[in-house]
Each structure stands twice: as C-alpha cells, then as structure tokens.
N, C-alpha and C. Protein backbone atom coordinates (compact mmCIF):
# COMPACT_ATOMS: atom_id res chain seq x y z
N UNK A 1 -55.44 5.74 -42.82
CA UNK A 1 -56.68 6.31 -44.08
C UNK A 1 -56.73 7.83 -44.42
N UNK A 2 -56.55 8.60 -44.98
CA UNK A 2 -56.55 9.74 -45.05
C UNK A 2 -58.03 10.05 -45.91
N UNK A 3 -58.29 11.59 -45.84
CA UNK A 3 -59.05 12.25 -46.69
C UNK A 3 -58.36 12.67 -48.02
N UNK A 4 -59.21 12.57 -49.37
CA UNK A 4 -59.06 13.47 -50.62
C UNK A 4 -60.32 14.16 -51.04
N UNK A 5 -59.99 14.88 -51.88
CA UNK A 5 -61.16 16.03 -52.44
C UNK A 5 -61.22 15.41 -53.55
N UNK A 6 -62.07 15.28 -54.52
CA UNK A 6 -62.84 15.53 -55.85
C UNK A 6 -62.93 17.04 -56.18
N UNK A 7 -61.67 17.45 -56.71
CA UNK A 7 -61.99 18.59 -57.07
C UNK A 7 -62.88 18.84 -58.07
N UNK A 8 -63.78 18.21 -58.86
CA UNK A 8 -64.72 18.61 -59.65
C UNK A 8 -65.89 18.74 -59.04
N UNK A 9 -65.77 18.20 -58.00
CA UNK A 9 -67.27 18.44 -56.90
C UNK A 9 -67.13 19.24 -56.16
N UNK A 10 -65.77 19.65 -55.77
CA UNK A 10 -66.06 21.03 -54.37
C UNK A 10 -66.19 22.27 -55.14
N UNK A 11 -66.93 22.85 -54.20
CA UNK A 11 -67.51 24.28 -54.59
C UNK A 11 -66.54 25.46 -53.52
N UNK A 12 -65.37 24.87 -52.88
CA UNK A 12 -64.74 25.94 -51.89
C UNK A 12 -65.82 26.38 -51.31
N UNK A 13 -66.82 25.78 -50.38
CA UNK A 13 -67.50 26.33 -49.58
C UNK A 13 -66.68 26.38 -48.15
N UNK A 14 -65.68 25.85 -48.01
CA UNK A 14 -64.94 25.89 -47.06
C UNK A 14 -65.38 25.45 -45.75
N UNK A 15 -66.54 24.68 -45.52
CA UNK A 15 -67.22 23.37 -44.39
C UNK A 15 -65.60 23.04 -43.36
N UNK A 16 -65.25 21.90 -44.74
CA UNK A 16 -64.35 21.20 -44.32
C UNK A 16 -63.00 21.67 -43.36
N UNK A 17 -62.82 23.19 -43.91
CA UNK A 17 -61.63 23.90 -43.31
C UNK A 17 -62.11 24.20 -41.77
N UNK A 18 -63.29 24.73 -41.34
CA UNK A 18 -64.29 25.29 -40.57
C UNK A 18 -63.55 24.05 -39.50
N UNK A 19 -64.39 22.74 -39.78
CA UNK A 19 -64.78 21.81 -38.99
C UNK A 19 -63.28 20.56 -38.61
N UNK A 20 -62.49 21.01 -39.54
CA UNK A 20 -60.93 19.97 -39.16
C UNK A 20 -60.39 20.34 -37.81
N UNK A 21 -60.55 19.42 -37.14
CA UNK A 21 -59.79 19.38 -35.54
C UNK A 21 -58.53 19.21 -35.88
N UNK A 22 -57.79 19.17 -36.82
CA UNK A 22 -55.98 19.19 -36.98
C UNK A 22 -55.66 20.40 -38.03
N UNK A 23 -56.74 20.70 -38.45
CA UNK A 23 -56.10 22.26 -39.40
C UNK A 23 -55.60 21.65 -40.43
N UNK A 24 -56.10 20.65 -41.33
CA UNK A 24 -54.97 20.28 -42.42
C UNK A 24 -56.22 20.12 -43.66
N UNK A 25 -57.21 20.70 -43.60
CA UNK A 25 -58.26 20.76 -44.94
C UNK A 25 -57.66 22.52 -45.20
N UNK A 26 -57.45 22.54 -46.28
CA UNK A 26 -57.51 24.32 -46.47
C UNK A 26 -58.20 24.65 -48.01
N UNK A 27 -58.25 25.35 -48.49
CA UNK A 27 -58.66 26.09 -49.73
C UNK A 27 -57.62 26.46 -50.75
N UNK A 28 -57.39 25.95 -51.53
CA UNK A 28 -56.13 26.26 -52.85
C UNK A 28 -56.63 27.96 -53.16
N UNK A 29 -55.72 28.82 -53.12
CA UNK A 29 -55.87 30.32 -53.49
C UNK A 29 -56.00 30.16 -54.95
N UNK A 30 -55.84 29.33 -55.63
CA UNK A 30 -55.54 29.59 -56.88
C UNK A 30 -56.77 29.23 -57.60
N UNK A 31 -57.38 27.88 -57.33
CA UNK A 31 -58.29 26.75 -57.60
C UNK A 31 -59.52 27.10 -57.02
N UNK A 32 -59.59 27.61 -55.65
CA UNK A 32 -60.72 27.69 -54.69
C UNK A 32 -61.18 26.21 -54.44
N UNK A 33 -60.38 25.70 -54.59
CA UNK A 33 -61.20 24.35 -54.04
C UNK A 33 -59.83 23.76 -53.05
N UNK A 34 -60.96 23.03 -51.97
CA UNK A 34 -60.32 22.10 -50.88
C UNK A 34 -59.28 21.36 -51.20
N UNK A 35 -58.61 21.05 -50.05
CA UNK A 35 -57.41 20.07 -50.23
C UNK A 35 -56.86 19.71 -48.62
N UNK A 36 -55.94 18.28 -48.49
CA UNK A 36 -55.73 17.97 -47.79
C UNK A 36 -54.49 18.12 -47.60
N UNK A 37 -53.91 18.95 -46.79
CA UNK A 37 -52.32 19.81 -47.17
C UNK A 37 -51.32 18.87 -46.74
N UNK A 38 -51.57 17.73 -45.36
CA UNK A 38 -50.86 16.91 -44.88
C UNK A 38 -51.69 15.67 -44.67
N UNK A 39 -51.54 14.46 -45.59
CA UNK A 39 -52.91 13.37 -45.21
C UNK A 39 -52.16 12.41 -44.19
N UNK A 40 -50.95 12.52 -43.97
CA UNK A 40 -50.40 11.72 -42.64
C UNK A 40 -50.50 12.00 -41.45
N UNK A 41 -51.14 13.27 -41.26
CA UNK A 41 -51.78 13.78 -40.24
C UNK A 41 -53.38 13.94 -40.01
N UNK A 42 -54.04 13.28 -40.79
CA UNK A 42 -55.47 13.35 -40.46
C UNK A 42 -56.05 12.22 -39.25
N UNK A 43 -56.89 12.71 -38.46
CA UNK A 43 -57.05 12.07 -37.07
C UNK A 43 -58.22 11.02 -37.80
N UNK A 44 -59.04 11.03 -38.85
CA UNK A 44 -59.50 10.04 -39.23
C UNK A 44 -61.31 10.28 -39.09
N UNK A 45 -61.32 11.59 -38.34
CA UNK A 45 -62.50 11.72 -37.43
C UNK A 45 -63.82 11.79 -38.41
N UNK A 46 -63.39 12.11 -39.67
CA UNK A 46 -64.40 11.94 -40.78
C UNK A 46 -65.28 13.35 -40.81
N UNK A 47 -64.94 14.55 -39.90
CA UNK A 47 -65.87 15.92 -39.97
C UNK A 47 -65.85 16.27 -41.21
N UNK A 48 -64.68 16.20 -41.65
CA UNK A 48 -64.94 17.25 -43.21
C UNK A 48 -66.07 16.25 -44.04
N UNK A 49 -65.42 14.78 -44.47
CA UNK A 49 -66.48 14.13 -45.08
C UNK A 49 -68.29 14.43 -44.59
N UNK A 50 -68.21 14.23 -43.24
CA UNK A 50 -69.71 14.41 -42.75
C UNK A 50 -70.03 16.09 -43.14
N UNK A 51 -69.61 16.99 -43.30
CA UNK A 51 -69.85 18.48 -43.53
C UNK A 51 -69.99 18.95 -44.60
N UNK A 52 -69.25 18.02 -45.51
CA UNK A 52 -69.15 18.48 -47.35
C UNK A 52 -70.60 18.46 -48.04
N UNK A 53 -71.37 19.78 -48.03
CA UNK A 53 -72.36 19.31 -48.73
C UNK A 53 -72.33 19.48 -50.12
N UNK A 54 -71.18 19.55 -50.47
CA UNK A 54 -70.97 18.80 -52.17
C UNK A 54 -70.69 17.48 -52.08
N UNK A 55 -70.45 16.54 -51.12
CA UNK A 55 -70.33 15.46 -51.08
C UNK A 55 -68.67 15.00 -52.09
N UNK A 56 -68.17 16.03 -51.57
CA UNK A 56 -66.69 16.23 -52.65
C UNK A 56 -65.25 15.36 -51.69
N UNK A 57 -65.70 15.06 -50.52
CA UNK A 57 -64.66 14.56 -49.71
C UNK A 57 -64.25 13.06 -49.39
N UNK A 58 -63.64 11.84 -49.59
CA UNK A 58 -63.97 10.95 -49.88
C UNK A 58 -63.00 10.28 -49.20
N UNK A 59 -62.61 9.00 -48.50
CA UNK A 59 -61.55 8.57 -47.68
C UNK A 59 -61.32 7.09 -48.23
N UNK A 60 -60.12 6.76 -47.99
CA UNK A 60 -59.31 5.79 -48.66
C UNK A 60 -59.43 4.68 -47.16
N UNK A 61 -60.05 3.89 -47.61
CA UNK A 61 -60.28 2.60 -46.34
C UNK A 61 -59.19 1.57 -45.94
N UNK A 62 -58.99 1.48 -44.78
CA UNK A 62 -58.21 0.01 -43.88
C UNK A 62 -58.65 -0.91 -44.54
N UNK A 63 -56.98 -1.79 -45.03
CA UNK A 63 -57.43 -3.20 -44.98
C UNK A 63 -58.27 -4.02 -44.11
N UNK A 64 -58.25 -3.67 -42.78
CA UNK A 64 -59.34 -4.59 -41.99
C UNK A 64 -60.99 -4.43 -42.14
N UNK A 65 -61.22 -3.21 -42.96
CA UNK A 65 -62.80 -3.51 -43.38
C UNK A 65 -62.97 -3.32 -44.79
N UNK A 66 -62.23 -2.90 -45.35
CA UNK A 66 -62.17 -2.78 -46.69
C UNK A 66 -61.15 -3.09 -47.79
N UNK A 67 -60.69 -4.45 -47.88
CA UNK A 67 -59.64 -5.27 -48.83
C UNK A 67 -58.95 -4.27 -49.64
N UNK A 68 -57.74 -4.21 -50.17
CA UNK A 68 -56.83 -4.09 -51.56
C UNK A 68 -58.12 -4.20 -52.41
N UNK A 69 -58.33 -3.18 -53.24
CA UNK A 69 -59.00 -3.38 -54.64
C UNK A 69 -60.55 -2.66 -54.18
N UNK A 70 -61.07 -2.41 -53.19
CA UNK A 70 -62.26 -1.49 -52.78
C UNK A 70 -62.21 -0.54 -53.14
N UNK A 71 -63.60 -0.01 -52.77
CA UNK A 71 -63.66 1.49 -52.58
C UNK A 71 -64.56 2.05 -51.92
N UNK A 72 -64.45 2.96 -51.03
CA UNK A 72 -65.50 3.38 -50.33
C UNK A 72 -66.13 4.94 -50.64
N UNK A 73 -67.46 5.23 -50.69
CA UNK A 73 -67.71 6.13 -51.09
C UNK A 73 -68.88 6.97 -49.85
N UNK A 74 -69.04 7.85 -49.61
CA UNK A 74 -69.73 8.44 -48.93
C UNK A 74 -70.82 9.58 -49.30
N UNK A 75 -71.96 9.03 -48.68
CA UNK A 75 -72.70 10.40 -49.30
C UNK A 75 -73.61 10.86 -48.37
N UNK A 76 -73.62 12.39 -48.16
CA UNK A 76 -74.31 13.17 -47.18
C UNK A 76 -75.50 13.48 -47.79
N UNK A 77 -76.40 12.94 -46.83
CA UNK A 77 -78.24 13.31 -47.56
C UNK A 77 -78.95 14.02 -46.27
N UNK A 78 -78.61 15.47 -46.66
CA UNK A 78 -79.05 16.59 -45.94
C UNK A 78 -80.41 16.42 -45.21
N UNK A 79 -81.10 16.12 -46.39
CA UNK A 79 -82.53 16.15 -46.30
C UNK A 79 -83.42 14.55 -45.36
N UNK A 80 -82.43 14.10 -45.32
CA UNK A 80 -82.75 12.75 -44.38
C UNK A 80 -81.97 12.72 -42.56
N UNK A 81 -80.70 13.97 -42.97
CA UNK A 81 -80.05 14.27 -41.70
C UNK A 81 -79.49 12.72 -41.79
N UNK A 82 -78.45 12.32 -42.87
CA UNK A 82 -77.64 10.70 -42.47
C UNK A 82 -76.32 11.11 -43.31
N UNK A 83 -75.56 10.44 -43.12
CA UNK A 83 -74.23 9.84 -43.75
C UNK A 83 -74.45 8.65 -44.41
N UNK A 84 -74.23 8.05 -45.78
CA UNK A 84 -74.09 6.72 -46.05
C UNK A 84 -73.04 6.32 -46.59
N UNK A 85 -72.64 5.48 -45.67
CA UNK A 85 -71.06 4.38 -46.29
C UNK A 85 -71.06 3.44 -47.16
N UNK A 86 -70.83 3.27 -48.70
CA UNK A 86 -70.90 2.06 -48.95
C UNK A 86 -69.54 1.85 -49.81
N UNK A 87 -69.19 0.53 -48.89
CA UNK A 87 -67.79 0.05 -49.40
C UNK A 87 -68.38 -1.18 -50.48
N UNK A 88 -67.69 -1.03 -51.42
CA UNK A 88 -67.86 -2.19 -53.08
C UNK A 88 -66.43 -2.58 -52.88
N UNK A 89 -66.63 -4.14 -52.73
CA UNK A 89 -65.22 -5.22 -52.82
C UNK A 89 -64.93 -5.69 -54.25
N UNK A 90 -63.86 -6.00 -54.42
CA UNK A 90 -63.28 -6.07 -55.56
C UNK A 90 -64.25 -7.19 -56.13
N UNK A 91 -65.12 -8.69 -55.66
CA UNK A 91 -65.67 -9.25 -56.01
C UNK A 91 -67.40 -8.71 -56.36
N UNK A 92 -67.44 -7.76 -56.17
CA UNK A 92 -68.62 -7.27 -56.72
C UNK A 92 -69.31 -6.80 -55.26
N UNK A 93 -69.33 -7.55 -54.08
CA UNK A 93 -70.39 -7.64 -53.18
C UNK A 93 -70.13 -5.86 -52.36
N UNK A 94 -71.51 -5.55 -51.70
CA UNK A 94 -71.53 -3.96 -51.78
C UNK A 94 -71.79 -4.13 -49.72
N UNK A 95 -71.36 -3.53 -48.80
CA UNK A 95 -72.00 -3.06 -47.73
C UNK A 95 -72.16 -1.71 -47.46
N UNK A 96 -73.44 -1.49 -47.04
CA UNK A 96 -73.85 -0.21 -46.81
C UNK A 96 -73.85 0.27 -45.13
N UNK A 97 -73.38 1.36 -44.66
CA UNK A 97 -73.47 2.00 -43.40
C UNK A 97 -74.59 3.05 -43.44
N UNK A 98 -75.12 3.23 -42.53
CA UNK A 98 -75.84 4.67 -42.69
C UNK A 98 -76.09 5.51 -40.89
N UNK A 99 -75.37 6.61 -40.80
CA UNK A 99 -75.11 7.38 -39.78
C UNK A 99 -75.95 8.48 -39.71
N UNK A 100 -76.42 9.07 -38.42
CA UNK A 100 -77.01 10.33 -38.62
C UNK A 100 -76.06 11.70 -38.65
N UNK A 101 -76.56 12.58 -38.96
CA UNK A 101 -75.43 13.62 -39.36
C UNK A 101 -74.96 14.60 -38.02
N UNK A 102 -75.76 14.52 -37.36
CA UNK A 102 -75.62 15.20 -35.62
C UNK A 102 -77.28 15.45 -35.50
N UNK A 103 -76.96 15.82 -33.74
CA UNK A 103 -78.64 15.90 -33.66
C UNK A 103 -78.91 17.34 -33.18
N UNK A 104 -77.95 18.42 -33.41
CA UNK A 104 -78.04 19.53 -32.73
C UNK A 104 -77.87 20.47 -34.16
N UNK A 105 -78.40 21.68 -34.30
CA UNK A 105 -78.28 22.50 -35.39
C UNK A 105 -76.85 23.20 -35.15
N UNK A 106 -75.89 23.66 -36.41
CA UNK A 106 -74.84 24.15 -36.55
C UNK A 106 -74.70 25.58 -35.29
N UNK A 107 -74.22 25.49 -34.54
CA UNK A 107 -74.05 27.00 -33.74
C UNK A 107 -74.95 27.01 -32.59
N UNK A 108 -75.33 25.93 -32.81
CA UNK A 108 -76.62 25.76 -30.85
C UNK A 108 -75.51 25.19 -29.88
N UNK A 109 -74.27 24.68 -29.97
CA UNK A 109 -73.69 24.14 -28.96
C UNK A 109 -72.63 25.46 -28.40
N UNK A 110 -72.68 25.93 -27.21
CA UNK A 110 -71.92 26.44 -26.53
C UNK A 110 -70.58 26.50 -26.84
N UNK A 111 -69.88 27.07 -26.89
CA UNK A 111 -67.88 26.95 -26.79
C UNK A 111 -67.45 26.97 -25.25
N UNK A 112 -66.40 27.00 -25.16
CA UNK A 112 -65.73 27.10 -23.99
C UNK A 112 -65.85 28.10 -23.09
N UNK A 113 -65.64 29.39 -24.14
CA UNK A 113 -65.40 30.48 -23.10
C UNK A 113 -66.92 31.34 -22.90
N UNK A 114 -68.26 30.13 -23.35
CA UNK A 114 -69.43 31.08 -23.04
C UNK A 114 -69.81 30.35 -21.56
N UNK A 115 -69.37 29.70 -20.77
CA UNK A 115 -69.54 29.21 -19.46
C UNK A 115 -68.97 29.60 -18.22
N UNK A 116 -69.24 29.32 -17.59
CA UNK A 116 -68.69 30.13 -16.31
C UNK A 116 -67.06 29.46 -15.98
N UNK A 117 -66.55 30.19 -15.26
CA UNK A 117 -65.12 29.71 -14.93
C UNK A 117 -65.29 28.53 -13.77
N UNK A 118 -64.43 27.59 -13.57
CA UNK A 118 -65.20 26.63 -12.50
C UNK A 118 -64.45 26.97 -10.99
N UNK A 119 -65.11 27.03 -10.08
CA UNK A 119 -64.42 27.71 -8.88
C UNK A 119 -63.48 26.47 -8.27
N UNK A 120 -62.75 27.00 -7.35
CA UNK A 120 -61.72 26.04 -6.52
C UNK A 120 -62.50 24.63 -6.21
N UNK A 121 -63.39 24.55 -5.36
CA UNK A 121 -64.26 23.58 -4.76
C UNK A 121 -64.71 22.43 -6.06
N UNK A 122 -64.88 22.90 -7.48
CA UNK A 122 -65.08 21.74 -8.54
C UNK A 122 -63.76 21.00 -8.74
N UNK A 123 -62.93 21.51 -8.37
CA UNK A 123 -61.48 20.40 -8.54
C UNK A 123 -61.42 19.73 -7.67
N UNK A 124 -62.00 19.30 -6.69
CA UNK A 124 -61.92 18.40 -5.67
C UNK A 124 -63.09 17.28 -5.95
N UNK A 125 -64.02 17.31 -6.95
CA UNK A 125 -64.72 16.30 -7.24
C UNK A 125 -64.78 15.64 -8.27
N UNK A 126 -65.32 14.56 -8.84
CA UNK A 126 -64.98 13.58 -9.84
C UNK A 126 -65.61 13.78 -11.09
N UNK A 127 -66.67 15.23 -10.93
CA UNK A 127 -67.08 15.43 -12.05
C UNK A 127 -66.41 16.48 -13.26
N UNK A 128 -66.79 16.04 -14.27
CA UNK A 128 -66.32 17.18 -15.68
C UNK A 128 -66.28 18.50 -15.63
N UNK A 129 -65.96 19.18 -16.40
CA UNK A 129 -66.24 20.61 -16.28
C UNK A 129 -67.64 20.45 -17.12
N UNK A 130 -68.50 21.51 -16.13
CA UNK A 130 -69.96 21.96 -16.94
C UNK A 130 -70.83 20.60 -16.58
N UNK A 131 -70.38 19.58 -16.12
CA UNK A 131 -71.35 18.88 -15.65
C UNK A 131 -72.24 19.17 -14.13
N UNK A 132 -73.52 18.62 -14.08
CA UNK A 132 -74.21 18.33 -15.22
C UNK A 132 -75.18 18.90 -15.95
N UNK A 133 -74.81 19.94 -15.68
CA UNK A 133 -75.40 21.11 -16.73
C UNK A 133 -75.63 20.89 -18.27
N UNK A 134 -74.22 20.48 -18.60
CA UNK A 134 -74.25 20.17 -20.25
C UNK A 134 -75.06 18.87 -20.36
N UNK A 135 -75.02 18.33 -19.49
CA UNK A 135 -75.73 16.73 -19.54
C UNK A 135 -77.35 17.16 -19.75
N UNK A 136 -77.32 18.54 -19.29
CA UNK A 136 -79.15 18.71 -18.80
C UNK A 136 -80.04 18.06 -18.07
N UNK A 137 -79.07 17.31 -16.73
CA UNK A 137 -79.62 16.63 -15.82
C UNK A 137 -79.41 17.82 -14.33
N UNK A 138 -80.18 17.61 -13.53
CA UNK A 138 -80.24 17.92 -11.88
C UNK A 138 -78.73 17.70 -10.88
N UNK A 139 -78.55 16.43 -11.36
CA UNK A 139 -77.55 16.19 -10.65
C UNK A 139 -76.87 14.79 -11.19
N UNK A 140 -75.62 14.43 -11.23
CA UNK A 140 -75.06 13.25 -11.28
C UNK A 140 -75.51 11.83 -10.49
N UNK A 141 -75.66 10.68 -10.92
CA UNK A 141 -75.82 9.57 -9.77
C UNK A 141 -74.70 9.45 -8.97
N UNK A 142 -74.67 9.13 -7.66
CA UNK A 142 -73.75 9.01 -7.15
C UNK A 142 -73.62 7.20 -6.45
N UNK A 143 -72.44 6.74 -6.12
CA UNK A 143 -72.34 5.40 -5.28
C UNK A 143 -71.99 5.80 -4.06
N UNK A 144 -72.51 5.68 -3.14
CA UNK A 144 -71.25 5.13 -1.64
C UNK A 144 -70.81 3.89 -1.53
N UNK A 145 -69.69 3.97 -0.69
CA UNK A 145 -68.89 3.38 0.05
C UNK A 145 -69.58 2.12 0.26
N UNK A 146 -71.08 2.13 0.68
CA UNK A 146 -71.64 1.00 1.41
C UNK A 146 -72.40 -0.07 0.15
N UNK A 147 -72.16 0.73 -0.95
CA UNK A 147 -72.97 -0.19 -2.13
C UNK A 147 -71.73 -0.64 -2.57
N UNK A 148 -70.70 -0.79 -2.36
CA UNK A 148 -69.31 -1.79 -3.23
C UNK A 148 -69.36 -2.91 -2.66
N UNK A 149 -69.33 -4.19 -3.22
CA UNK A 149 -69.41 -5.56 -2.30
C UNK A 149 -67.84 -5.92 -2.47
N UNK A 150 -67.24 -6.13 -1.30
CA UNK A 150 -65.69 -6.52 -1.02
C UNK A 150 -65.72 -8.23 -1.43
N UNK A 151 -64.56 -8.66 -2.10
CA UNK A 151 -64.25 -10.00 -2.51
C UNK A 151 -65.00 -10.57 -3.96
N UNK A 152 -64.62 -11.69 -4.00
CA UNK A 152 -64.99 -12.12 -5.00
C UNK A 152 -66.38 -12.09 -5.38
N UNK A 153 -66.94 -11.85 -6.61
CA UNK A 153 -68.25 -11.91 -6.83
C UNK A 153 -69.05 -13.78 -7.26
C-alpha cells in the first residue's frame, strides 16, 4: 500500500517531503505539487498523510483491512489534534478510526546531535541511548536475579 497525492488539493508546502523517512516524497519543480517518486519503497508509516495540512495525501488499503472496491480516506483535523481514517466498503458500510496527531509541538524533540556522546561505561549496560533522561524519569526499574523463579510456573 503506498501513498498518492491529490494534485488539486496539494499546495506544495513540503511538510510531506520534510517528514518522509524513506525520502520518496518530492515536490515537482514544474507543478509545485508533491508526489511519491517510488511507491514501491513506501514504508507505510503514514507520516506524510498525518503531516499534510491540506489532506491531499491518501493511501491505498490492503485487502486484509479494506477489500477490493473499498476506499480509504484520511482526514487531518488540526483543531482537534486528530487524524481520522474512514474506510468505505463496496456494500456501503463504513468504519471510522481516530488517532491523535502527536503529543509534542513540531521541533520540540531534541535531535541526536543535541545529546551528549555516551561514555564507554554506557556500552556495558542494558539501557538504550539517553535512557532514562529521554523518558523523563530518574532511573529505570531493575530486576535482581533473586526475583526470577526457576522451573515451571
């Protein structure tokens, strides 16, 4: 399933280009409209769909959730902070799903270069980079070996 752009709705703002992790959303230099240069390489992350303020990007659904003859429409509602998915089946039934857009403002998340480099002792721990700071907690919970139960439960 890949994304496609409704050229009549797209205003060429470039939000989809900026957010696409696989770098396949581009702005056509002639029409100044977005387009997917390689639909087969789409990661199906829907970042471009969620980022588009004009609701100009749509997706083709897989048969496992929307069988042949269906339509999938995505609606970004900035004022509500939601993305709504509407699936319409051939027999007229509709299913609606609502998800939050995101919980943090654009640009508020630090990039990898803004963190301190890890020291060599960090490589010997089970923690991921920048934990627990990125989780905004003092420390991660730990389990001691004595808390494990041996044998069948």
